N, C-alpha and C. Protein backbone atom coordinates (compact mmCIF):
# COMPACT_ATOMS: atom_id res chain seq x y z
N UNK A 1 121.20 -70.63 -92.94
CA UNK A 1 122.10 -70.62 -91.82
C UNK A 1 123.20 -69.78 -92.23
N UNK A 2 123.44 -68.82 -91.30
CA UNK A 2 124.45 -67.61 -91.65
C UNK A 2 126.15 -68.13 -92.06
N UNK A 3 126.16 -69.17 -91.59
CA UNK A 3 127.83 -69.56 -92.06
C UNK A 3 127.90 -70.48 -93.03
N UNK A 4 128.57 -69.97 -94.17
CA UNK A 4 128.63 -70.69 -95.40
C UNK A 4 129.98 -71.52 -95.40
N UNK A 5 129.93 -72.84 -95.93
CA UNK A 5 130.98 -73.54 -96.04
C UNK A 5 131.51 -73.60 -97.45
N UNK A 6 132.82 -73.03 -97.56
CA UNK A 6 133.32 -72.87 -98.84
C UNK A 6 134.28 -73.88 -99.15
N UNK A 7 134.45 -75.04 -98.66
CA UNK A 7 135.48 -76.06 -98.64
C UNK A 7 135.56 -76.50 -100.11
N UNK A 8 134.40 -76.69 -100.63
CA UNK A 8 134.41 -77.40 -102.03
C UNK A 8 134.96 -76.50 -102.85
N UNK A 9 134.80 -75.23 -102.71
CA UNK A 9 135.58 -74.22 -103.92
C UNK A 9 137.13 -74.36 -103.52
N UNK A 10 137.42 -74.22 -102.25
CA UNK A 10 138.83 -74.07 -102.03
C UNK A 10 139.66 -75.51 -102.43
N UNK A 11 138.80 -76.64 -102.10
CA UNK A 11 139.47 -78.10 -102.94
C UNK A 11 139.50 -78.01 -104.64
N UNK A 12 138.51 -77.47 -105.15
CA UNK A 12 138.58 -77.02 -106.48
C UNK A 12 139.75 -76.46 -106.76
N UNK A 13 139.98 -75.27 -106.23
CA UNK A 13 140.95 -74.43 -106.58
C UNK A 13 142.58 -75.04 -106.31
N UNK A 14 142.39 -75.78 -105.47
CA UNK A 14 143.72 -76.66 -105.27
C UNK A 14 143.90 -77.92 -106.09
N UNK A 15 142.71 -78.00 -106.55
CA UNK A 15 142.46 -79.51 -107.56
C UNK A 15 142.82 -80.75 -106.61
N UNK A 16 142.10 -80.74 -105.46
CA UNK A 16 142.32 -81.81 -104.48
C UNK A 16 140.98 -82.59 -104.36
N UNK A 17 140.93 -83.93 -104.39
CA UNK A 17 139.79 -84.56 -104.37
C UNK A 17 139.48 -84.78 -103.25
N UNK A 18 138.26 -85.07 -102.74
CA UNK A 18 137.72 -85.26 -101.72
C UNK A 18 138.39 -86.53 -100.74
N UNK A 19 138.36 -87.68 -101.51
CA UNK A 19 139.32 -88.79 -100.87
C UNK A 19 140.81 -88.76 -100.55
N UNK A 20 141.27 -87.90 -101.31
CA UNK A 20 142.79 -87.67 -101.02
C UNK A 20 142.97 -86.58 -99.71
N UNK A 21 141.97 -85.58 -99.64
CA UNK A 21 142.00 -84.61 -98.52
C UNK A 21 141.58 -85.24 -97.23
N UNK A 22 140.77 -86.25 -97.45
CA UNK A 22 140.06 -86.99 -96.23
C UNK A 22 140.92 -87.91 -95.67
N UNK A 23 142.07 -88.58 -96.52
CA UNK A 23 143.04 -89.39 -96.09
C UNK A 23 144.42 -88.59 -95.44
N UNK A 24 144.41 -87.40 -96.07
CA UNK A 24 145.72 -86.57 -95.39
C UNK A 24 145.30 -86.15 -94.16
N UNK A 25 144.12 -85.77 -93.86
CA UNK A 25 143.66 -85.18 -92.46
C UNK A 25 143.14 -86.12 -91.60
N UNK A 26 143.08 -87.31 -92.10
CA UNK A 26 142.43 -88.63 -91.10
C UNK A 26 141.03 -88.37 -90.68
N UNK A 27 140.43 -87.86 -91.85
CA UNK A 27 138.83 -87.77 -91.53
C UNK A 27 138.03 -88.75 -92.32
N UNK A 28 137.16 -89.22 -92.27
CA UNK A 28 136.32 -90.14 -93.04
C UNK A 28 135.79 -89.29 -94.22
N UNK A 29 135.60 -90.03 -95.29
CA UNK A 29 135.16 -89.13 -96.35
C UNK A 29 133.48 -88.91 -96.36
N UNK A 30 132.94 -89.67 -95.46
CA UNK A 30 131.42 -89.26 -95.09
C UNK A 30 131.48 -87.98 -94.39
N UNK A 31 132.26 -87.90 -93.32
CA UNK A 31 132.44 -86.69 -92.36
C UNK A 31 132.87 -85.63 -93.29
N UNK A 32 133.97 -85.75 -94.19
CA UNK A 32 134.31 -84.68 -95.13
C UNK A 32 133.24 -84.17 -95.85
N UNK A 33 132.28 -84.72 -96.32
CA UNK A 33 131.17 -84.57 -97.21
C UNK A 33 129.96 -83.98 -96.22
N UNK A 34 129.87 -84.28 -94.98
CA UNK A 34 128.91 -83.51 -94.05
C UNK A 34 129.44 -82.12 -93.88
N UNK A 35 130.78 -81.98 -93.89
CA UNK A 35 131.62 -80.42 -93.57
C UNK A 35 131.31 -79.88 -94.92
N UNK A 36 131.60 -80.55 -96.01
CA UNK A 36 131.49 -79.78 -97.16
C UNK A 36 130.25 -79.33 -97.66
N UNK A 37 129.10 -79.94 -97.24
CA UNK A 37 127.86 -79.80 -97.73
C UNK A 37 127.19 -78.69 -96.55
N UNK A 38 128.05 -78.33 -95.51
CA UNK A 38 127.33 -77.40 -94.53
C UNK A 38 126.36 -77.84 -93.50
N UNK A 39 126.20 -79.16 -93.50
CA UNK A 39 125.39 -80.15 -92.56
C UNK A 39 125.96 -80.17 -91.22
N UNK A 40 127.30 -80.09 -91.03
CA UNK A 40 127.72 -80.18 -89.77
C UNK A 40 127.66 -79.14 -88.95
N UNK A 41 127.42 -79.41 -87.56
CA UNK A 41 127.07 -78.59 -86.65
C UNK A 41 128.19 -77.71 -85.68
N UNK A 42 129.42 -78.53 -85.86
CA UNK A 42 130.59 -78.08 -85.27
C UNK A 42 131.53 -78.78 -86.09
N UNK A 43 132.97 -78.02 -85.87
CA UNK A 43 134.15 -78.29 -86.55
C UNK A 43 135.21 -78.09 -85.51
N UNK A 44 135.86 -79.17 -85.16
CA UNK A 44 137.21 -79.16 -84.18
C UNK A 44 137.89 -78.05 -84.99
N UNK A 45 138.80 -77.44 -84.21
CA UNK A 45 140.05 -76.69 -84.33
C UNK A 45 141.14 -77.26 -85.16
N UNK A 46 141.18 -78.44 -84.56
CA UNK A 46 142.43 -79.46 -85.15
C UNK A 46 141.92 -79.82 -86.46
N UNK A 47 140.57 -80.09 -86.56
CA UNK A 47 140.32 -80.54 -88.03
C UNK A 47 140.46 -79.23 -89.04
N UNK A 48 139.95 -78.13 -88.37
CA UNK A 48 139.97 -76.66 -89.49
C UNK A 48 141.61 -76.60 -89.91
N UNK A 49 142.44 -76.86 -88.69
CA UNK A 49 143.90 -76.68 -88.79
C UNK A 49 144.42 -77.40 -89.84
N UNK A 50 144.20 -78.79 -89.71
CA UNK A 50 144.77 -79.66 -90.69
C UNK A 50 143.99 -79.25 -91.98
N UNK A 51 143.09 -79.08 -92.35
CA UNK A 51 142.36 -78.83 -93.78
C UNK A 51 143.10 -77.44 -94.36
N UNK A 52 143.45 -76.58 -93.43
CA UNK A 52 144.02 -75.47 -93.94
C UNK A 52 145.73 -75.56 -94.17
N UNK A 53 146.15 -76.37 -93.30
CA UNK A 53 147.47 -76.96 -94.03
C UNK A 53 147.51 -77.66 -95.09
N UNK A 54 146.71 -78.77 -95.30
CA UNK A 54 146.77 -79.15 -96.39
C UNK A 54 146.30 -78.63 -97.71
N UNK A 55 145.51 -77.75 -97.39
CA UNK A 55 145.02 -76.72 -98.83
C UNK A 55 145.62 -75.39 -98.88
N UNK A 56 146.78 -75.31 -97.89
CA UNK A 56 147.48 -74.03 -97.63
C UNK A 56 146.43 -72.76 -97.81
N UNK A 57 145.48 -72.69 -96.82
CA UNK A 57 144.74 -71.58 -96.77
C UNK A 57 144.55 -70.95 -95.59
N UNK A 58 143.60 -70.12 -95.18
CA UNK A 58 143.14 -69.58 -94.10
C UNK A 58 141.89 -70.13 -93.62
N UNK A 59 141.42 -70.05 -92.42
CA UNK A 59 140.01 -70.44 -92.04
C UNK A 59 139.07 -69.67 -92.81
N UNK A 60 139.12 -68.39 -92.93
CA UNK A 60 138.21 -67.66 -93.90
C UNK A 60 138.01 -67.84 -95.01
N UNK A 61 139.05 -68.49 -95.79
CA UNK A 61 138.85 -68.91 -97.00
C UNK A 61 137.69 -70.11 -97.15
N UNK A 62 137.55 -70.73 -95.97
CA UNK A 62 136.71 -72.09 -96.01
C UNK A 62 135.38 -71.60 -95.47
N UNK A 63 135.31 -70.89 -94.33
CA UNK A 63 134.55 -70.50 -93.67
C UNK A 63 134.10 -69.27 -93.77
N UNK A 64 132.54 -68.68 -93.99
CA UNK A 64 132.18 -67.43 -94.20
C UNK A 64 130.67 -67.16 -93.45
N UNK A 65 130.73 -65.98 -93.02
CA UNK A 65 129.39 -65.54 -92.09
C UNK A 65 128.79 -64.57 -93.25
N UNK A 66 127.42 -64.98 -93.29
CA UNK A 66 126.39 -63.78 -93.74
C UNK A 66 125.44 -63.45 -92.86
N UNK A 67 125.11 -62.35 -92.94
CA UNK A 67 123.82 -61.81 -92.10
C UNK A 67 122.67 -62.06 -92.84
N UNK A 68 121.78 -63.35 -92.35
CA UNK A 68 120.37 -63.73 -93.42
C UNK A 68 119.33 -62.84 -92.85
N UNK A 69 119.59 -61.77 -92.03
CA UNK A 69 118.44 -61.24 -91.37
C UNK A 69 118.56 -59.82 -92.05
N UNK A 70 119.42 -59.42 -92.77
CA UNK A 70 119.75 -58.28 -93.45
C UNK A 70 118.65 -58.28 -94.63
N UNK A 71 117.94 -56.91 -94.55
CA UNK A 71 117.14 -56.59 -95.66
C UNK A 71 117.74 -55.46 -96.56
N UNK A 72 117.97 -55.74 -97.57
CA UNK A 72 118.59 -54.61 -98.56
C UNK A 72 117.60 -53.42 -98.78
N UNK A 73 118.16 -52.30 -98.76
CA UNK A 73 117.55 -50.97 -99.35
C UNK A 73 117.43 -50.81 -100.58
N UNK A 74 116.40 -50.05 -100.88
CA UNK A 74 115.86 -50.10 -102.31
C UNK A 74 116.85 -48.58 -102.58
N UNK A 75 116.71 -48.12 -103.85
CA UNK A 75 117.55 -47.03 -104.30
C UNK A 75 117.13 -45.53 -103.54
N UNK A 76 115.87 -45.59 -102.91
CA UNK A 76 115.91 -44.32 -102.37
C UNK A 76 116.13 -44.29 -100.73
N UNK A 77 116.74 -45.58 -100.48
CA UNK A 77 117.43 -45.69 -99.17
C UNK A 77 116.12 -46.30 -97.86
N UNK A 78 115.07 -46.71 -98.52
CA UNK A 78 114.08 -47.43 -97.65
C UNK A 78 114.28 -48.95 -97.87
N UNK A 79 113.61 -49.40 -97.02
CA UNK A 79 113.53 -51.06 -97.06
C UNK A 79 112.65 -51.36 -98.31
N UNK A 80 112.94 -52.65 -98.86
CA UNK A 80 112.02 -52.99 -100.05
C UNK A 80 111.02 -53.67 -99.64
């Protein structure tokens, strides 16, 4: 999937355990775990806002887009 969830990285940087974050944002630990592992199919803006508020971060600190169809070029400028 081209969307990578870096929530666990941001939580580690802020030294915030899952249980504490879940309680502060009003989300179950199970649903937070689904979000952290990238298994969620959607996230509400209100949930994203609450996470960013508690972790003092931006949405881009948590969510990252990668183009998984990109094929790197070799050193001569051609496809590998």
